[in-house]
Amino acid sequence: MGLVALIIFLSSLALGFISLTVLIWAALQIYRTIRYARKDSQVWLARFGEFNSELQETLKSMEVCAQNIAGTGQDLRERVEDIQDTWEELRSHPLLRTARFIGKFRHKSGSS
């Protein structure tokens, strides 16, 4: 009976040692995987940093272009408003009204 108890005790001790060894081996594998993943990610982080800086430069140039287009649109709007104001001034000028009145009067008297 003592021999069976000794065998069970030693086998459980051996199983515990094997389990501990497998646990340490798995932890080392996880550490190695994380270390290599970190090394690999450094290259990608550098590339993403370059891509990000290029993208920001492109966005800044697009912003400048959009501001230029908005400025040109504002200039065109002001010119159109100036043209409309000039047209209204011409239409409401007294000499032009008189000429229109005379034209209507002349047209009516000429058709009789």
C-alpha atoms as a PDB file:
ATOM      1  CA  MET A   1       0.000   0.000   0.000  1.00  0.00           C
ATOM      2  CA  GLY A   2       2.882   2.364   0.748  1.00  0.00           C
ATOM      3  CA  LEU A   3       4.389   1.626  -2.645  1.00  0.00           C
ATOM      4  CA  VAL A   4       1.147   2.578  -4.436  1.00  0.00           C
ATOM      5  CA  ALA A   5       0.927   5.809  -2.446  1.00  0.00           C
ATOM      6  CA  LEU A   6       4.559   6.591  -3.293  1.00  0.00           C
ATOM      7  CA  ILE A   7       3.924   5.953  -7.022  1.00  0.00           C
ATOM      8  CA  ILE A   8       0.823   8.156  -7.013  1.00  0.00           C
ATOM      9  CA  PHE A   9       2.687  10.908  -5.142  1.00  0.00           C
ATOM     10  CA  LEU A  10       5.689  10.789  -7.486  1.00  0.00           C
ATOM     11  CA  SER A  11       3.513  10.631 -10.618  1.00  0.00           C
ATOM     12  CA  SER A  12       1.480  13.640  -9.477  1.00  0.00           C
ATOM     13  CA  LEU A  13       4.730  15.470  -8.681  1.00  0.00           C
ATOM     14  CA  ALA A  14       6.065  14.592 -12.157  1.00  0.00           C
ATOM     15  CA  LEU A  15       2.785  15.671 -13.762  1.00  0.00           C
ATOM     16  CA  GLY A  16       2.971  18.974 -11.878  1.00  0.00           C
ATOM     17  CA  PHE A  17       6.557  19.499 -13.074  1.00  0.00           C
ATOM     18  CA  ILE A  18       5.560  18.686 -16.676  1.00  0.00           C
ATOM     19  CA  SER A  19       2.587  21.075 -16.415  1.00  0.00           C
ATOM     20  CA  LEU A  20       4.861  23.808 -15.062  1.00  0.00           C
ATOM     21  CA  THR A  21       7.343  23.188 -17.880  1.00  0.00           C
ATOM     22  CA  VAL A  22       4.587  23.381 -20.521  1.00  0.00           C
ATOM     23  CA  LEU A  23       3.249  26.572 -18.912  1.00  0.00           C
ATOM     24  CA  ILE A  24       6.705  28.200 -18.993  1.00  0.00           C
ATOM     25  CA  TRP A  25       7.218  27.074 -22.594  1.00  0.00           C
ATOM     26  CA  ALA A  26       3.811  28.551 -23.601  1.00  0.00           C
ATOM     27  CA  ALA A  27       4.642  31.821 -21.821  1.00  0.00           C
ATOM     28  CA  LEU A  28       7.963  32.018 -23.692  1.00  0.00           C
ATOM     29  CA  GLN A  29       6.190  31.384 -26.994  1.00  0.00           C
ATOM     30  CA  ILE A  30       3.675  34.135 -26.249  1.00  0.00           C
ATOM     31  CA  TYR A  31       6.513  36.511 -25.294  1.00  0.00           C
ATOM     32  CA  ARG A  32       8.354  35.674 -28.531  1.00  0.00           C
ATOM     33  CA  THR A  33       5.201  36.225 -30.576  1.00  0.00           C
ATOM     34  CA  ILE A  34       4.558  39.587 -28.931  1.00  0.00           C
ATOM     35  CA  ARG A  35       8.188  40.645 -29.416  1.00  0.00           C
ATOM     36  CA  TYR A  36       8.108  39.781 -33.131  1.00  0.00           C
ATOM     37  CA  ALA A  37       4.729  41.438 -33.540  1.00  0.00           C
ATOM     38  CA  ARG A  38       6.154  44.590 -31.960  1.00  0.00           C
ATOM     39  CA  LYS A  39       9.173  44.490 -34.300  1.00  0.00           C
ATOM     40  CA  ASP A  40       6.905  44.014 -37.318  1.00  0.00           C
ATOM     41  CA  SER A  41       4.588  46.773 -36.208  1.00  0.00           C
ATOM     42  CA  GLN A  42       7.461  49.286 -36.010  1.00  0.00           C
ATOM     43  CA  VAL A  43       7.908  49.080 -39.787  1.00  0.00           C
ATOM     44  CA  TRP A  44       4.191  49.484 -40.365  1.00  0.00           C
ATOM     45  CA  LEU A  45       3.954  52.358 -37.906  1.00  0.00           C
ATOM     46  CA  ALA A  46       6.709  54.173 -39.803  1.00  0.00           C
ATOM     47  CA  ARG A  47       4.886  53.602 -43.098  1.00  0.00           C
ATOM     48  CA  PHE A  48       1.577  54.721 -41.644  1.00  0.00           C
ATOM     49  CA  GLY A  49       3.316  57.814 -40.249  1.00  0.00           C
ATOM     50  CA  GLU A  50       4.628  58.675 -43.723  1.00  0.00           C
ATOM     51  CA  PHE A  51       1.224  58.022 -45.249  1.00  0.00           C
ATOM     52  CA  ASN A  52      -0.400  60.195 -42.597  1.00  0.00           C
ATOM     53  CA  SER A  53       1.989  63.085 -43.252  1.00  0.00           C
ATOM     54  CA  GLU A  54       1.426  62.830 -47.019  1.00  0.00           C
ATOM     55  CA  LEU A  55      -2.310  62.735 -46.447  1.00  0.00           C
ATOM     56  CA  GLN A  56      -2.160  65.816 -44.229  1.00  0.00           C
ATOM     57  CA  GLU A  57      -0.115  67.694 -46.856  1.00  0.00           C
ATOM     58  CA  THR A  58      -2.661  66.729 -49.501  1.00  0.00           C
ATOM     59  CA  LEU A  59      -5.509  67.884 -47.271  1.00  0.00           C
ATOM     60  CA  LYS A  60      -3.776  71.225 -46.677  1.00  0.00           C
ATOM     61  CA  SER A  61      -3.290  71.763 -50.414  1.00  0.00           C
ATOM     62  CA  MET A  62      -6.931  70.825 -51.026  1.00  0.00           C
ATOM     63  CA  GLU A  63      -7.970  73.295 -48.332  1.00  0.00           C
ATOM     64  CA  VAL A  64      -5.946  76.037 -50.035  1.00  0.00           C
ATOM     65  CA  CYS A  65      -7.575  75.158 -53.377  1.00  0.00           C
ATOM     66  CA  ALA A  66     -11.035  75.219 -51.804  1.00  0.00           C
ATOM     67  CA  GLN A  67     -10.310  78.615 -50.245  1.00  0.00           C
ATOM     68  CA  ASN A  68      -9.140  79.913 -53.634  1.00  0.00           C
ATOM     69  CA  ILE A  69     -12.315  78.620 -55.278  1.00  0.00           C
ATOM     70  CA  ALA A  70     -14.440  80.180 -52.532  1.00  0.00           C
ATOM     71  CA  GLY A  71     -12.604  83.493 -52.977  1.00  0.00           C
ATOM     72  CA  THR A  72     -13.134  83.385 -56.736  1.00  0.00           C
ATOM     73  CA  GLY A  73     -16.828  82.620 -56.199  1.00  0.00           C
ATOM     74  CA  GLN A  74     -17.128  85.581 -53.810  1.00  0.00           C
ATOM     75  CA  ASP A  75     -15.441  87.858 -56.379  1.00  0.00           C
ATOM     76  CA  LEU A  76     -17.836  86.644 -59.073  1.00  0.00           C
ATOM     77  CA  ARG A  77     -20.818  87.192 -56.782  1.00  0.00           C
ATOM     78  CA  GLU A  78     -19.663  90.759 -56.076  1.00  0.00           C
ATOM     79  CA  ARG A  79     -19.193  91.442 -59.785  1.00  0.00           C
ATOM     80  CA  VAL A  80     -22.650  90.081 -60.602  1.00  0.00           C
ATOM     81  CA  GLU A  81     -24.117  92.276 -57.854  1.00  0.00           C
ATOM     82  CA  ASP A  82     -22.265  95.279 -59.308  1.00  0.00           C
ATOM     83  CA  ILE A  83     -23.653  94.477 -62.753  1.00  0.00           C
ATOM     84  CA  GLN A  84     -27.183  94.157 -61.323  1.00  0.00           C
ATOM     85  CA  ASP A  85     -26.817  97.473 -59.483  1.00  0.00           C
ATOM     86  CA  THR A  86     -25.565  99.168 -62.655  1.00  0.00           C
ATOM     87  CA  TRP A  87     -28.443  97.688 -64.645  1.00  0.00           C
ATOM     88  CA  GLU A  88     -30.972  98.930 -62.100  1.00  0.00           C
ATOM     89  CA  GLU A  89     -29.402 102.387 -62.170  1.00  0.00           C
ATOM     90  CA  LEU A  90     -29.585 102.442 -65.962  1.00  0.00           C
ATOM     91  CA  ARG A  91     -33.204 101.299 -66.005  1.00  0.00           C
ATOM     92  CA  SER A  92     -34.253 103.881 -63.460  1.00  0.00           C
ATOM     93  CA  HIS A  93     -32.357 106.789 -65.054  1.00  0.00           C
ATOM     94  CA  PRO A  94     -34.730 109.661 -65.976  1.00  0.00           C
ATOM     95  CA  LEU A  95     -33.428 110.018 -69.531  1.00  0.00           C
ATOM     96  CA  LEU A  96     -34.007 106.349 -70.237  1.00  0.00           C
ATOM     97  CA  ARG A  97     -37.533 106.562 -68.807  1.00  0.00           C
ATOM     98  CA  THR A  98     -38.225 109.579 -70.982  1.00  0.00           C
ATOM     99  CA  ALA A  99     -36.886 107.771 -74.048  1.00  0.00           C
ATOM    100  CA  ARG A 100     -39.107 104.766 -73.294  1.00  0.00           C
ATOM    101  CA  PHE A 101     -42.136 107.026 -72.825  1.00  0.00           C
ATOM    102  CA  ILE A 102     -41.439 108.835 -76.068  1.00  0.00           C
ATOM    103  CA  GLY A 103     -40.926 105.525 -77.816  1.00  0.00           C
ATOM    104  CA  LYS A 104     -44.292 104.248 -76.628  1.00  0.00           C
ATOM    105  CA  PHE A 105     -46.001 107.496 -77.483  1.00  0.00           C
ATOM    106  CA  ARG A 106     -44.375 107.596 -80.920  1.00  0.00           C
ATOM    107  CA  HIS A 107     -45.233 103.969 -81.553  1.00  0.00           C
ATOM    108  CA  LYS A 108     -48.922 104.602 -80.715  1.00  0.00           C
ATOM    109  CA  SER A 109     -49.132 107.727 -82.813  1.00  0.00           C
ATOM    110  CA  GLY A 110     -47.365 106.116 -85.762  1.00  0.00           C
ATOM    111  CA  SER A 111     -49.777 103.183 -85.980  1.00  0.00           C
ATOM    112  CA  SER A 112     -52.929 105.361 -86.171  1.00  0.00           C
END
